[in-house]
């Protein structure tokens, strides 16, 4: 069951829970002004050994804009958590899509090539901005629709780099190139 947060309720209406991600939970919200659906990643502050500069660094990710990037549209904070609001795409992610394939089902090679090309374009753009994904996997490749001609949008850009150095659970990955992190 979803927990309602005052800072979120001012701008968004809860729609439904999606599940877990590496640093917390995911919900779908509706923007009160635009009525558009948004994805909300909630990161509990209790998982972080330090919260200084986290909000500022997350807001810096909002500047990363590209046709194949699932952009962060808002970042909020309350006493317990950080909330990362991004575009929501009805096609789900590539991992969900792969899970639905069975032995009798196959995918057109051209579709796979197109998806990979779009992901590489997003990565190239982010690398030029000195932002590195560090956690690229099928569940971070969003699809704009459930049709084969969907567009890929790479999500969670830079979140691993930003949260790993702040995590207090001993599972943080070491950031080798601190200059590359905003």
C-alpha atoms as a PDB file:
ATOM      1  CA  UNK A   1       0.000   0.000   0.000  1.00  0.00           C
ATOM      2  CA  UNK A   2       1.316   3.424  -0.942  1.00  0.00           C
ATOM      3  CA  UNK A   3       2.240   5.947   1.674  1.00  0.00           C
ATOM      4  CA  UNK A   4       1.026   9.453   0.896  1.00  0.00           C
ATOM      5  CA  UNK A   5       3.582  12.241   1.285  1.00  0.00           C
ATOM      6  CA  UNK A   6       2.581  15.884   1.747  1.00  0.00           C
ATOM      7  CA  UNK A   7       5.312  17.226  -0.510  1.00  0.00           C
ATOM      8  CA  UNK A   8       4.042  14.974  -3.326  1.00  0.00           C
ATOM      9  CA  UNK A   9       0.333  15.588  -2.748  1.00  0.00           C
ATOM     10  CA  UNK A  10       0.751  19.307  -3.451  1.00  0.00           C
ATOM     11  CA  UNK A  11       1.752  18.639  -7.067  1.00  0.00           C
ATOM     12  CA  UNK A  12       0.780  15.035  -7.817  1.00  0.00           C
ATOM     13  CA  UNK A  13      -2.042  12.527  -7.364  1.00  0.00           C
ATOM     14  CA  UNK A  14      -1.121   8.928  -6.502  1.00  0.00           C
ATOM     15  CA  UNK A  15      -2.171   6.451  -9.220  1.00  0.00           C
ATOM     16  CA  UNK A  16      -0.531   3.108  -8.359  1.00  0.00           C
ATOM     17  CA  UNK A  17       2.567   1.337  -7.007  1.00  0.00           C
ATOM     18  CA  UNK A  18       4.996  -0.212  -9.484  1.00  0.00           C
ATOM     19  CA  UNK A  19       7.507  -1.891  -7.185  1.00  0.00           C
ATOM     20  CA  UNK A  20      11.134  -1.670  -6.121  1.00  0.00           C
ATOM     21  CA  UNK A  21      14.252  -0.271  -7.754  1.00  0.00           C
ATOM     22  CA  UNK A  22      17.879  -0.321  -6.590  1.00  0.00           C
ATOM     23  CA  UNK A  23      17.470   2.529  -4.106  1.00  0.00           C
ATOM     24  CA  UNK A  24      13.816   2.470  -3.066  1.00  0.00           C
ATOM     25  CA  UNK A  25      10.299   2.236  -4.487  1.00  0.00           C
ATOM     26  CA  UNK A  26       8.543   3.339  -7.674  1.00  0.00           C
ATOM     27  CA  UNK A  27       5.035   4.755  -7.993  1.00  0.00           C
ATOM     28  CA  UNK A  28       3.038   6.270 -10.824  1.00  0.00           C
ATOM     29  CA  UNK A  29       1.606   9.711 -10.119  1.00  0.00           C
ATOM     30  CA  UNK A  30      -0.549  12.136 -12.077  1.00  0.00           C
ATOM     31  CA  UNK A  31       0.571  15.748 -12.342  1.00  0.00           C
ATOM     32  CA  UNK A  32      -2.208  17.938 -10.915  1.00  0.00           C
ATOM     33  CA  UNK A  33      -1.603  20.705 -13.483  1.00  0.00           C
ATOM     34  CA  UNK A  34      -1.000  18.785 -16.710  1.00  0.00           C
ATOM     35  CA  UNK A  35      -2.826  15.525 -15.861  1.00  0.00           C
ATOM     36  CA  UNK A  36       0.167  13.640 -17.331  1.00  0.00           C
ATOM     37  CA  UNK A  37       1.379  10.445 -15.701  1.00  0.00           C
ATOM     38  CA  UNK A  38       4.812  10.544 -14.077  1.00  0.00           C
ATOM     39  CA  UNK A  39       7.057   7.923 -12.500  1.00  0.00           C
ATOM     40  CA  UNK A  40       8.210   8.652  -8.970  1.00  0.00           C
ATOM     41  CA  UNK A  41      11.251   6.988  -7.458  1.00  0.00           C
ATOM     42  CA  UNK A  42      11.312   7.333  -3.677  1.00  0.00           C
ATOM     43  CA  UNK A  43      14.735   7.089  -2.017  1.00  0.00           C
ATOM     44  CA  UNK A  44      14.593   6.863   1.795  1.00  0.00           C
ATOM     45  CA  UNK A  45      17.164   9.093   3.481  1.00  0.00           C
ATOM     46  CA  UNK A  46      17.751   6.329   6.024  1.00  0.00           C
ATOM     47  CA  UNK A  47      19.621   4.390   3.299  1.00  0.00           C
ATOM     48  CA  UNK A  48      22.081   7.243   2.822  1.00  0.00           C
ATOM     49  CA  UNK A  49      25.023   7.931   5.079  1.00  0.00           C
ATOM     50  CA  UNK A  50      24.922  11.607   4.090  1.00  0.00           C
ATOM     51  CA  UNK A  51      22.188  13.743   2.554  1.00  0.00           C
ATOM     52  CA  UNK A  52      24.201  16.906   1.972  1.00  0.00           C
ATOM     53  CA  UNK A  53      24.140  18.079  -1.644  1.00  0.00           C
ATOM     54  CA  UNK A  54      21.952  15.138  -2.770  1.00  0.00           C
ATOM     55  CA  UNK A  55      19.015  17.362  -3.781  1.00  0.00           C
ATOM     56  CA  UNK A  56      21.280  19.797  -5.617  1.00  0.00           C
ATOM     57  CA  UNK A  57      23.016  16.972  -7.488  1.00  0.00           C
ATOM     58  CA  UNK A  58      19.715  15.326  -8.439  1.00  0.00           C
ATOM     59  CA  UNK A  59      18.380  18.630  -9.746  1.00  0.00           C
ATOM     60  CA  UNK A  60      21.472  18.907 -11.934  1.00  0.00           C
ATOM     61  CA  UNK A  61      20.309  15.727 -13.713  1.00  0.00           C
ATOM     62  CA  UNK A  62      17.181  17.586 -14.840  1.00  0.00           C
ATOM     63  CA  UNK A  63      19.377  19.367 -17.394  1.00  0.00           C
ATOM     64  CA  UNK A  64      20.082  16.092 -19.211  1.00  0.00           C
ATOM     65  CA  UNK A  65      17.599  16.264 -22.092  1.00  0.00           C
ATOM     66  CA  UNK A  66      17.569  14.084 -25.227  1.00  0.00           C
ATOM     67  CA  UNK A  67      14.892  12.332 -27.335  1.00  0.00           C
ATOM     68  CA  UNK A  68      16.093   8.931 -26.055  1.00  0.00           C
ATOM     69  CA  UNK A  69      16.479   9.820 -22.398  1.00  0.00           C
ATOM     70  CA  UNK A  70      13.656   9.425 -19.882  1.00  0.00           C
ATOM     71  CA  UNK A  71      14.179  12.866 -18.395  1.00  0.00           C
ATOM     72  CA  UNK A  72      13.824  13.833 -14.767  1.00  0.00           C
ATOM     73  CA  UNK A  73      11.135  16.491 -14.575  1.00  0.00           C
ATOM     74  CA  UNK A  74      11.089  17.254 -10.839  1.00  0.00           C
ATOM     75  CA  UNK A  75      13.015  16.472  -7.660  1.00  0.00           C
ATOM     76  CA  UNK A  76      11.433  16.864  -4.233  1.00  0.00           C
ATOM     77  CA  UNK A  77      12.476  16.233  -0.654  1.00  0.00           C
ATOM     78  CA  UNK A  78      10.819  15.861   2.705  1.00  0.00           C
ATOM     79  CA  UNK A  79      12.164  14.865   6.114  1.00  0.00           C
ATOM     80  CA  UNK A  80      12.341  11.155   5.234  1.00  0.00           C
ATOM     81  CA  UNK A  81      12.942  10.799   1.489  1.00  0.00           C
ATOM     82  CA  UNK A  82      14.006  12.175  -1.861  1.00  0.00           C
ATOM     83  CA  UNK A  83      11.482  11.917  -4.724  1.00  0.00           C
ATOM     84  CA  UNK A  84      12.718  11.743  -8.297  1.00  0.00           C
ATOM     85  CA  UNK A  85       9.924  12.463 -10.766  1.00  0.00           C
ATOM     86  CA  UNK A  86      10.399  11.488 -14.401  1.00  0.00           C
ATOM     87  CA  UNK A  87       8.430  10.920 -17.558  1.00  0.00           C
ATOM     88  CA  UNK A  88       6.206   7.833 -17.507  1.00  0.00           C
ATOM     89  CA  UNK A  89       5.945   5.641 -20.589  1.00  0.00           C
ATOM     90  CA  UNK A  90       3.087   3.211 -21.101  1.00  0.00           C
ATOM     91  CA  UNK A  91       5.246   0.618 -22.862  1.00  0.00           C
ATOM     92  CA  UNK A  92       6.969  -0.482 -19.672  1.00  0.00           C
ATOM     93  CA  UNK A  93      10.609  -1.452 -19.927  1.00  0.00           C
ATOM     94  CA  UNK A  94      12.602  -3.864 -22.062  1.00  0.00           C
ATOM     95  CA  UNK A  95      12.989  -6.321 -19.157  1.00  0.00           C
ATOM     96  CA  UNK A  96       9.191  -6.664 -18.820  1.00  0.00           C
ATOM     97  CA  UNK A  97       8.977  -7.127 -22.553  1.00  0.00           C
ATOM     98  CA  UNK A  98      11.727  -9.813 -22.547  1.00  0.00           C
ATOM     99  CA  UNK A  99       9.962 -11.653 -19.720  1.00  0.00           C
ATOM    100  CA  UNK A 100       6.850 -11.953 -21.904  1.00  0.00           C
ATOM    101  CA  UNK A 101       8.731 -13.597 -24.770  1.00  0.00           C
ATOM    102  CA  UNK A 102       8.588 -17.380 -24.874  1.00  0.00           C
ATOM    103  CA  UNK A 103      10.338 -19.964 -27.033  1.00  0.00           C
ATOM    104  CA  UNK A 104       7.791 -19.659 -29.825  1.00  0.00           C
ATOM    105  CA  UNK A 105       8.064 -15.868 -29.963  1.00  0.00           C
ATOM    106  CA  UNK A 106      10.861 -13.961 -31.605  1.00  0.00           C
ATOM    107  CA  UNK A 107      11.690 -10.372 -32.311  1.00  0.00           C
ATOM    108  CA  UNK A 108      12.635  -8.777 -35.595  1.00  0.00           C
ATOM    109  CA  UNK A 109      16.370  -8.143 -35.838  1.00  0.00           C
ATOM    110  CA  UNK A 110      15.662  -4.637 -37.152  1.00  0.00           C
ATOM    111  CA  UNK A 111      13.628  -3.829 -34.021  1.00  0.00           C
ATOM    112  CA  UNK A 112      16.489  -4.937 -31.762  1.00  0.00           C
ATOM    113  CA  UNK A 113      18.988  -2.923 -33.808  1.00  0.00           C
ATOM    114  CA  UNK A 114      16.788   0.158 -33.579  1.00  0.00           C
ATOM    115  CA  UNK A 115      16.459  -0.161 -29.797  1.00  0.00           C
ATOM    116  CA  UNK A 116      20.219  -0.581 -29.366  1.00  0.00           C
ATOM    117  CA  UNK A 117      20.898   2.402 -31.665  1.00  0.00           C
ATOM    118  CA  UNK A 118      18.555   4.611 -29.629  1.00  0.00           C
ATOM    119  CA  UNK A 119      20.199   3.559 -26.351  1.00  0.00           C
ATOM    120  CA  UNK A 120      23.657   4.289 -27.782  1.00  0.00           C
ATOM    121  CA  UNK A 121      22.513   7.745 -28.908  1.00  0.00           C
ATOM    122  CA  UNK A 122      21.317   8.467 -25.355  1.00  0.00           C
ATOM    123  CA  UNK A 123      24.569   7.201 -23.841  1.00  0.00           C
ATOM    124  CA  UNK A 124      26.650   9.265 -26.268  1.00  0.00           C
ATOM    125  CA  UNK A 125      24.700  12.387 -25.335  1.00  0.00           C
ATOM    126  CA  UNK A 126      25.078  11.755 -21.611  1.00  0.00           C
ATOM    127  CA  UNK A 127      28.793  10.995 -21.907  1.00  0.00           C
ATOM    128  CA  UNK A 128      29.321  14.282 -23.706  1.00  0.00           C
ATOM    129  CA  UNK A 129      27.712  15.921 -20.657  1.00  0.00           C
ATOM    130  CA  UNK A 130      30.077  13.876 -18.423  1.00  0.00           C
ATOM    131  CA  UNK A 131      27.185  11.932 -16.903  1.00  0.00           C
ATOM    132  CA  UNK A 132      27.607   8.176 -16.865  1.00  0.00           C
ATOM    133  CA  UNK A 133      24.789   5.713 -16.315  1.00  0.00           C
ATOM    134  CA  UNK A 134      26.745   3.036 -14.377  1.00  0.00           C
ATOM    135  CA  UNK A 135      23.696   0.756 -14.090  1.00  0.00           C
ATOM    136  CA  UNK A 136      22.489   0.127 -17.640  1.00  0.00           C
ATOM    137  CA  UNK A 137      20.269  -2.947 -17.913  1.00  0.00           C
ATOM    138  CA  UNK A 138      17.018  -3.881 -19.675  1.00  0.00           C
ATOM    139  CA  UNK A 139      14.884  -2.583 -16.777  1.00  0.00           C
ATOM    140  CA  UNK A 140      16.349   0.914 -17.366  1.00  0.00           C
ATOM    141  CA  UNK A 141      15.303   0.966 -21.026  1.00  0.00           C
ATOM    142  CA  UNK A 142      11.768   2.359 -21.146  1.00  0.00           C
ATOM    143  CA  UNK A 143       9.489   1.872 -24.154  1.00  0.00           C
ATOM    144  CA  UNK A 144       7.090   4.587 -25.282  1.00  0.00           C
ATOM    145  CA  UNK A 145       4.460   1.998 -26.252  1.00  0.00           C
ATOM    146  CA  UNK A 146       3.885  -1.758 -26.312  1.00  0.00           C
ATOM    147  CA  UNK A 147       4.267  -1.828 -30.104  1.00  0.00           C
ATOM    148  CA  UNK A 148       7.467  -2.982 -31.883  1.00  0.00           C
ATOM    149  CA  UNK A 149       7.962   0.529 -33.293  1.00  0.00           C
ATOM    150  CA  UNK A 150       8.238   1.986 -29.776  1.00  0.00           C
ATOM    151  CA  UNK A 151      10.998   4.434 -28.990  1.00  0.00           C
ATOM    152  CA  UNK A 152      13.564   3.540 -26.324  1.00  0.00           C
ATOM    153  CA  UNK A 153      14.104   6.032 -23.494  1.00  0.00           C
ATOM    154  CA  UNK A 154      17.051   5.306 -21.191  1.00  0.00           C
ATOM    155  CA  UNK A 155      16.114   5.963 -17.565  1.00  0.00           C
ATOM    156  CA  UNK A 156      17.889   6.369 -14.234  1.00  0.00           C
ATOM    157  CA  UNK A 157      20.811   8.304 -15.730  1.00  0.00           C
ATOM    158  CA  UNK A 158      23.431   9.037 -13.140  1.00  0.00           C
ATOM    159  CA  UNK A 159      21.399   7.802 -10.166  1.00  0.00           C
ATOM    160  CA  UNK A 160      23.881   5.045  -9.333  1.00  0.00           C
ATOM    161  CA  UNK A 161      26.765   7.509  -9.363  1.00  0.00           C
ATOM    162  CA  UNK A 162      24.870   9.958  -7.186  1.00  0.00           C
ATOM    163  CA  UNK A 163      23.525   7.512  -4.614  1.00  0.00           C
ATOM    164  CA  UNK A 164      26.368   5.001  -4.388  1.00  0.00           C
ATOM    165  CA  UNK A 165      28.681   7.499  -2.775  1.00  0.00           C
ATOM    166  CA  UNK A 166      25.965   8.481  -0.270  1.00  0.00           C
ATOM    167  CA  UNK A 167      24.757   4.966   0.641  1.00  0.00           C
ATOM    168  CA  UNK A 168      25.527   3.760   4.107  1.00  0.00           C
ATOM    169  CA  UNK A 169      24.791   0.038   3.631  1.00  0.00           C
ATOM    170  CA  UNK A 170      28.290  -0.976   2.572  1.00  0.00           C
ATOM    171  CA  UNK A 171      27.057  -2.004  -0.881  1.00  0.00           C
ATOM    172  CA  UNK A 172      28.124   1.153  -2.650  1.00  0.00           C
ATOM    173  CA  UNK A 173      30.163   0.837  -5.806  1.00  0.00           C
ATOM    174  CA  UNK A 174      33.325   2.855  -5.790  1.00  0.00           C
ATOM    175  CA  UNK A 175      33.218   5.807  -8.172  1.00  0.00           C
ATOM    176  CA  UNK A 176      36.503   5.660 -10.104  1.00  0.00           C
ATOM    177  CA  UNK A 177      36.207   8.977 -11.911  1.00  0.00           C
ATOM    178  CA  UNK A 178      34.851  11.559  -9.455  1.00  0.00           C
ATOM    179  CA  UNK A 179      35.208  14.273 -12.108  1.00  0.00           C
ATOM    180  CA  UNK A 180      32.543  12.572 -14.194  1.00  0.00           C
ATOM    181  CA  UNK A 181      29.881  12.953 -11.530  1.00  0.00           C
ATOM    182  CA  UNK A 182      27.985  16.230 -11.323  1.00  0.00           C
END
